[in-house]
Amino acid sequence: MLLINFTPGELARVRMTAGLGPVAESIFALDLFVNGRGYAANQWRRKIRTLLGDNYMDVEQLTRNCQPVPDLLWLLDRSADGADAGQWAEGRDGRRERAVVFEFCRSVILPYWGQLQSYLESEREIRGRIAITNGVEALFGALHSKVCWNPPVLEVHDEPDGEIHLNGRQILLSPTMFLARGRCAFVQTAEEGAPAALVFSVPGGLDKLLEAEDARTPGGQVLAALIGTTRAAALSTLTESCTTGALSKRLGISLAGASKHATVLREAGLISTTRHGNKALHTLTTLGMDLLQQPPGARCHTRETHRPRSSMTPKVRLSPADAL
């Protein structure tokens, strides 16, 4: 059993978030790939095989050599060096792990990201209402079947034994559609000041994805074709405002790459950016939200609508280098 100790101040700083981003969901999805049991998990593996194509064997080889949770959680730590990450586990190659997980993210998670984000936001809203109505302690009590609040300790059952003192660090409560056996995972990084996260699986999360004939909705495919898969994922991620650094972590790309994508989205009028000290906070504009919510085939009314037809050449230019 994992024990997470809280002081009153730390308890007051608990926050809910709609997932930790596509790379995190990729690691949790790989955990389900390795350890999932039952009909839904088998269906998920078949879908992964189809989506990955020739890269499927790379994933099989990776998961034979490690357990995605916790062995791949180092990928969520931007302070970790991929060149050195494999040194702490004999026979493992940090660079290779990074490449395989990012390819898995590109092929399996990003095409689904709009729908995944919608599910995660719904879960956050449900639990957010519990916290608003009855407080954080009630939120802990209803969080997950394997989580028990025994003040001032949050007990996470069926996890490796351990005891954690936050030492002032903020903790995020984050749902995931994946993770095998309906489990939880505690994620923390060496990055100074970065929050820790308790990730909990959503009951029936995988079933929700498989119930749809194709979770990659036509609208999502059109958006990805229009602005690029990574940029479409960035737009979906920004339904929850975040800094450039947080965006780079969620998408698993460099800080420079995240800044570039944010600049293009801002110039297109899809996000706005405000500065607080040396940090830039990005937020969806009304136009950006409308674009995400457009049903397939609907006409999107943008700020270009009233310009002469000859001036309606899109400003956004894409190239293969824009991909992950």
Protein backbone atom coordinates (compact mmCIF):
# COMPACT_ATOMS: atom_id res chain seq x y z
CA MET A 1 0.00 0.00 0.00
CA LEU A 2 1.22 3.49 -0.89
CA LEU A 3 0.76 6.18 1.79
CA ILE A 4 0.66 9.86 0.77
CA ASN A 5 0.91 12.24 3.75
CA PHE A 6 -0.71 15.68 3.63
CA THR A 7 -0.30 18.79 5.74
CA PRO A 8 -3.30 21.19 5.90
CA GLY A 9 -1.54 23.54 3.47
CA GLU A 10 -0.84 20.75 0.98
CA LEU A 11 -4.43 19.56 1.24
CA ALA A 12 -5.65 23.04 0.31
CA ARG A 13 -3.48 23.02 -2.84
CA VAL A 14 -4.85 19.78 -4.31
CA ARG A 15 -6.03 20.31 -7.90
CA MET A 16 -7.86 18.25 -10.53
CA THR A 17 -6.52 18.12 -14.08
CA ALA A 18 -7.88 16.56 -17.27
CA GLY A 19 -4.98 14.19 -17.85
CA LEU A 20 -1.21 14.68 -17.99
CA GLY A 21 -1.01 14.87 -21.78
CA PRO A 22 -0.56 12.55 -24.78
CA VAL A 23 2.84 11.14 -23.75
CA ALA A 24 1.53 10.21 -20.30
CA GLU A 25 -1.56 8.57 -21.84
CA SER A 26 0.76 6.68 -24.18
CA ILE A 27 2.66 5.20 -21.22
CA PHE A 28 -0.59 4.27 -19.46
CA ALA A 29 -1.92 2.76 -22.71
CA LEU A 30 1.25 0.68 -23.01
CA ASP A 31 0.69 -0.51 -19.44
CA LEU A 32 -2.74 -1.72 -20.52
CA PHE A 33 -1.19 -3.29 -23.62
CA VAL A 34 1.14 -5.36 -21.40
CA ASN A 35 -1.06 -6.16 -18.41
CA GLY A 36 -4.66 -5.79 -19.59
CA ARG A 37 -6.94 -8.81 -19.43
CA GLY A 38 -10.32 -9.60 -20.96
CA TYR A 39 -12.20 -8.91 -24.16
CA ALA A 40 -11.76 -5.13 -24.21
CA ALA A 41 -7.98 -5.39 -23.67
CA ASN A 42 -7.67 -7.91 -26.51
CA GLN A 43 -9.69 -5.62 -28.78
CA TRP A 44 -7.36 -2.78 -27.80
CA ARG A 45 -4.28 -4.81 -28.75
CA ARG A 46 -5.76 -5.58 -32.17
CA LYS A 47 -6.49 -1.89 -32.75
CA ILE A 48 -2.92 -1.01 -31.74
CA ARG A 49 -1.54 -3.56 -34.19
CA THR A 50 -3.57 -1.95 -36.99
CA LEU A 51 -2.58 1.60 -36.09
CA LEU A 52 1.12 0.86 -35.67
CA GLY A 53 1.60 -1.27 -38.78
CA ASP A 54 5.28 -2.09 -39.25
CA ASN A 55 6.16 -0.41 -35.92
CA TYR A 56 4.16 -2.94 -33.89
CA MET A 57 7.17 -5.20 -33.34
CA ASP A 58 9.11 -2.30 -31.79
CA VAL A 59 6.40 -1.93 -29.16
CA GLU A 60 6.38 -5.68 -28.47
CA GLN A 61 10.16 -5.66 -28.03
CA LEU A 62 10.02 -2.63 -25.72
CA THR A 63 7.35 -4.12 -23.48
CA ARG A 64 9.23 -7.42 -23.20
CA ASN A 65 12.13 -5.55 -21.60
CA CYS A 66 10.27 -3.29 -19.15
CA GLN A 67 7.01 -2.55 -17.36
CA PRO A 68 5.65 0.72 -18.77
CA VAL A 69 4.52 1.78 -15.29
CA PRO A 70 6.80 2.60 -13.55
CA ASP A 71 9.77 1.97 -15.89
CA LEU A 72 8.81 4.55 -18.56
CA LEU A 73 7.57 7.32 -16.29
CA TRP A 74 10.98 9.02 -16.60
CA LEU A 75 9.77 10.25 -20.01
CA LEU A 76 7.44 12.66 -18.21
CA ASP A 77 10.40 14.36 -16.52
CA ARG A 78 11.75 17.08 -18.79
CA SER A 79 14.85 17.28 -16.62
CA ALA A 80 15.74 13.65 -17.47
CA ASP A 81 18.36 13.02 -20.14
CA GLY A 82 17.27 10.34 -22.59
CA ALA A 83 20.90 9.47 -23.27
CA ASP A 84 21.47 8.52 -19.64
CA ALA A 85 18.05 7.19 -18.68
CA GLY A 86 18.86 3.60 -19.58
CA GLN A 87 21.91 3.45 -17.33
CA TRP A 88 19.88 2.71 -14.19
CA ALA A 89 18.35 -0.43 -15.74
CA GLU A 90 20.74 -2.95 -17.24
CA GLY A 91 20.01 -3.85 -20.84
CA ARG A 92 17.75 -0.83 -21.46
CA ASP A 93 18.30 1.94 -23.96
CA GLY A 94 16.81 5.30 -22.97
CA ARG A 95 17.01 6.75 -26.47
CA ARG A 96 15.29 3.72 -27.95
CA GLU A 97 12.55 3.81 -25.32
CA ARG A 98 11.90 7.47 -26.06
CA ALA A 99 11.70 6.87 -29.82
CA VAL A 100 9.29 3.92 -29.52
CA VAL A 101 7.00 5.66 -27.03
CA PHE A 102 6.86 8.84 -29.11
CA GLU A 103 6.05 6.84 -32.26
CA PHE A 104 3.33 5.02 -30.30
CA CYS A 105 2.00 8.42 -29.19
CA ARG A 106 1.97 9.72 -32.77
CA SER A 107 0.23 6.65 -34.22
CA VAL A 108 -2.11 5.54 -31.43
CA ILE A 109 -2.86 8.43 -29.06
CA LEU A 110 -2.72 11.68 -31.03
CA PRO A 111 -5.35 10.60 -33.60
CA TYR A 112 -7.70 9.92 -30.66
CA TRP A 113 -6.71 12.92 -28.60
CA GLY A 114 -9.78 15.07 -29.12
CA GLN A 115 -12.09 12.32 -27.91
CA LEU A 116 -9.75 11.26 -25.12
CA GLN A 117 -9.53 14.84 -23.88
CA SER A 118 -13.32 15.14 -23.93
CA TYR A 119 -13.68 12.03 -21.76
CA LEU A 120 -11.02 13.21 -19.32
CA GLU A 121 -12.57 16.64 -19.01
CA SER A 122 -15.94 15.02 -18.21
CA GLU A 123 -14.31 13.00 -15.45
CA ARG A 124 -12.67 16.11 -14.05
CA GLU A 125 -15.96 17.98 -14.05
CA ILE A 126 -17.78 15.17 -12.24
CA ARG A 127 -15.21 15.05 -9.48
CA GLY A 128 -14.86 18.81 -9.43
CA ARG A 129 -18.53 19.11 -8.54
CA ILE A 130 -17.99 16.71 -5.65
CA ALA A 131 -15.13 18.87 -4.34
CA ILE A 132 -17.11 22.09 -4.71
CA THR A 133 -20.16 20.66 -2.95
CA ASN A 134 -18.53 18.59 -0.20
CA GLY A 135 -14.84 19.49 -0.03
CA VAL A 136 -11.53 17.83 -0.86
CA GLU A 137 -11.98 15.06 1.70
CA ALA A 138 -15.23 13.97 -0.02
CA LEU A 139 -13.36 14.08 -3.35
CA PHE A 140 -10.73 11.68 -2.00
CA GLY A 141 -13.45 9.36 -0.73
CA ALA A 142 -15.09 9.13 -4.16
CA LEU A 143 -11.92 9.19 -6.24
CA HIS A 144 -11.28 5.51 -6.89
CA SER A 145 -12.16 2.12 -5.41
CA LYS A 146 -8.52 1.56 -4.38
CA VAL A 147 -8.07 4.96 -2.75
CA CYS A 148 -9.00 5.52 0.89
CA TRP A 149 -8.78 8.80 2.82
CA ASN A 150 -7.61 8.23 6.40
CA PRO A 151 -6.73 11.79 7.55
CA PRO A 152 -4.08 13.03 7.07
CA VAL A 153 -3.01 10.11 4.87
CA LEU A 154 -4.29 9.08 1.45
CA GLU A 155 -3.98 5.31 1.16
CA VAL A 156 -3.57 3.82 -2.31
CA HIS A 157 -4.17 0.09 -2.09
CA ASP A 158 -2.68 -2.58 -4.38
CA GLU A 159 0.32 -0.38 -5.10
CA PRO A 160 3.94 -1.09 -4.04
CA ASP A 161 4.56 -0.30 -0.38
CA GLY A 162 5.89 3.16 0.25
CA GLU A 163 5.34 6.39 2.15
CA ILE A 164 5.47 9.84 0.56
CA HIS A 165 5.78 13.25 2.18
CA LEU A 166 5.03 16.02 -0.31
CA ASN A 167 7.22 18.61 1.47
CA GLY A 168 5.12 21.47 0.17
CA ARG A 169 4.83 20.13 -3.37
CA GLN A 170 1.41 20.45 -5.01
CA ILE A 171 -0.37 17.28 -6.05
CA LEU A 172 -2.61 16.88 -9.08
CA LEU A 173 -5.41 14.33 -9.31
CA SER A 174 -5.51 13.11 -12.89
CA PRO A 175 -7.86 10.61 -14.57
CA THR A 176 -6.70 8.27 -17.34
CA MET A 177 -8.64 6.15 -19.79
CA PHE A 178 -6.00 3.44 -19.52
CA LEU A 179 -3.84 1.65 -16.89
CA ALA A 180 -4.32 -2.07 -16.40
CA ARG A 181 -6.36 -3.74 -13.65
CA GLY A 182 -8.15 -0.54 -12.70
CA ARG A 183 -5.05 0.67 -10.86
CA CYS A 184 -3.55 4.00 -9.83
CA ALA A 185 -0.08 5.42 -10.38
CA PHE A 186 1.91 8.05 -8.50
CA VAL A 187 4.02 10.27 -10.77
CA GLN A 188 6.71 12.64 -9.57
CA THR A 189 9.71 14.17 -11.29
CA ALA A 190 13.06 15.58 -10.23
CA GLU A 191 12.17 18.96 -11.74
CA GLU A 192 12.27 21.61 -9.01
CA GLY A 193 8.82 22.93 -8.10
CA ALA A 194 6.96 20.58 -10.44
CA PRO A 195 3.79 19.09 -8.95
CA ALA A 196 3.38 15.40 -8.27
CA ALA A 197 0.34 13.57 -9.65
CA LEU A 198 -1.89 10.73 -8.52
CA VAL A 199 -3.25 9.14 -11.69
CA PHE A 200 -6.39 7.02 -11.36
CA SER A 201 -8.06 4.89 -14.01
CA VAL A 202 -11.60 5.70 -15.10
CA PRO A 203 -14.00 2.75 -14.67
CA GLY A 204 -14.91 1.42 -18.10
CA GLY A 205 -12.63 3.94 -19.79
CA LEU A 206 -11.42 1.54 -22.47
CA ASP A 207 -14.95 0.33 -23.14
CA LYS A 208 -15.99 3.93 -23.85
CA LEU A 209 -13.35 4.17 -26.56
CA LEU A 210 -14.14 0.81 -28.12
CA GLU A 211 -17.90 1.33 -28.13
CA ALA A 212 -17.49 3.91 -30.90
CA GLU A 213 -17.08 2.38 -34.35
CA ASP A 214 -14.09 4.67 -34.84
CA ALA A 215 -12.91 6.94 -32.01
CA ARG A 216 -10.99 9.03 -34.53
CA THR A 217 -13.98 11.18 -35.42
CA PRO A 218 -14.21 12.64 -38.94
CA GLY A 219 -14.05 16.12 -37.43
CA GLY A 220 -10.81 15.23 -35.67
CA GLN A 221 -9.32 13.84 -38.87
CA VAL A 222 -10.22 17.00 -40.78
CA LEU A 223 -8.72 19.22 -38.08
CA ALA A 224 -5.50 17.16 -38.04
CA ALA A 225 -5.29 17.34 -41.85
CA LEU A 226 -5.85 21.10 -41.74
CA ILE A 227 -3.31 22.14 -39.09
CA GLY A 228 -1.25 18.99 -38.47
CA THR A 229 -1.63 16.16 -35.94
CA THR A 230 0.62 17.69 -33.29
CA ARG A 231 -0.91 21.14 -33.65
CA ALA A 232 -4.42 19.66 -33.42
CA ALA A 233 -3.36 17.88 -30.22
CA ALA A 234 -1.94 21.15 -28.88
CA LEU A 235 -5.24 22.90 -29.59
CA SER A 236 -7.17 20.15 -27.76
CA THR A 237 -4.71 20.26 -24.87
CA LEU A 238 -5.25 24.01 -24.47
CA THR A 239 -8.88 23.52 -23.47
CA GLU A 240 -7.09 23.75 -20.12
CA SER A 241 -4.89 26.87 -20.20
CA CYS A 242 -1.20 26.22 -19.66
CA THR A 243 2.28 27.67 -20.12
CA THR A 244 4.62 26.87 -22.99
CA GLY A 245 6.62 24.59 -20.70
CA ALA A 246 3.51 22.67 -19.63
CA LEU A 247 2.42 22.35 -23.27
CA SER A 248 5.80 20.87 -24.22
CA LYS A 249 5.49 18.30 -21.41
CA ARG A 250 1.95 17.31 -22.32
CA LEU A 251 2.84 16.81 -25.98
CA GLY A 252 6.28 15.32 -25.35
CA ILE A 253 8.05 17.82 -27.60
CA SER A 254 10.82 20.34 -27.06
CA LEU A 255 10.18 23.75 -25.51
CA ALA A 256 11.14 25.35 -28.83
CA GLY A 257 8.67 23.12 -30.68
CA ALA A 258 5.86 23.96 -28.27
CA SER A 259 6.63 27.68 -28.63
CA LYS A 260 6.55 27.38 -32.42
CA HIS A 261 3.18 25.59 -32.44
CA ALA A 262 1.74 28.12 -29.97
CA THR A 263 2.92 30.98 -32.18
CA VAL A 264 1.20 29.53 -35.26
CA LEU A 265 -2.04 28.91 -33.35
CA ARG A 266 -1.94 32.42 -31.91
CA GLU A 267 -1.33 34.03 -35.32
CA ALA A 268 -4.30 32.06 -36.66
CA GLY A 269 -6.46 33.52 -33.89
CA LEU A 270 -7.08 30.13 -32.24
CA ILE A 271 -5.37 30.90 -28.92
CA SER A 272 -4.44 33.99 -26.95
CA THR A 273 -1.27 34.44 -24.91
CA THR A 274 -0.76 36.49 -21.76
CA ARG A 275 2.52 36.95 -19.94
CA HIS A 276 3.12 36.63 -16.21
CA GLY A 277 6.75 37.47 -15.50
CA ASN A 278 8.85 35.25 -17.74
CA LYS A 279 6.03 32.75 -18.37
CA ALA A 280 3.54 32.78 -21.26
CA LEU A 281 0.05 31.43 -20.52
CA HIS A 282 -1.89 30.15 -23.54
CA THR A 283 -5.71 29.98 -23.64
CA LEU A 284 -8.18 28.97 -26.33
CA THR A 285 -10.04 31.83 -27.98
CA THR A 286 -13.72 31.59 -28.88
CA LEU A 287 -12.65 30.82 -32.45
CA GLY A 288 -10.37 28.02 -31.24
CA MET A 289 -13.12 26.52 -29.11
CA ASP A 290 -15.58 26.74 -32.02
CA LEU A 291 -13.10 24.97 -34.31
CA LEU A 292 -12.69 22.10 -31.85
CA GLN A 293 -16.46 21.75 -31.49
CA GLN A 294 -17.33 21.92 -35.21
CA PRO A 295 -19.31 18.82 -36.28
CA PRO A 296 -18.11 17.06 -39.45
CA GLY A 297 -19.11 18.99 -42.56
CA ALA A 298 -20.13 22.11 -40.65
CA ARG A 299 -19.07 25.47 -41.96
CA CYS A 300 -16.54 27.16 -39.71
CA HIS A 301 -17.05 30.93 -39.56
CA THR A 302 -13.65 32.48 -38.91
CA ARG A 303 -12.42 36.03 -38.91
CA GLU A 304 -11.64 35.60 -42.65
CA THR A 305 -15.37 35.25 -43.50
CA HIS A 306 -15.97 38.85 -44.60
CA ARG A 307 -12.77 39.33 -46.57
CA PRO A 308 -12.81 39.35 -50.38
CA ARG A 309 -12.48 35.87 -51.85
CA SER A 310 -9.10 36.71 -53.36
CA SER A 311 -7.61 37.42 -49.90
CA MET A 312 -8.67 34.17 -48.26
CA THR A 313 -5.35 32.40 -48.65
CA PRO A 314 -4.56 30.63 -45.36
CA LYS A 315 -1.64 32.12 -43.44
CA VAL A 316 -0.67 28.81 -41.83
CA ARG A 317 1.98 26.95 -43.82
CA LEU A 318 2.79 23.42 -42.81
CA SER A 319 5.78 21.27 -43.58
CA PRO A 320 6.89 17.73 -42.67
CA ALA A 321 9.13 19.29 -40.00
CA ASP A 322 6.03 20.30 -38.02
CA ALA A 323 5.36 16.67 -37.09
CA LEU A 324 6.57 15.16 -33.84
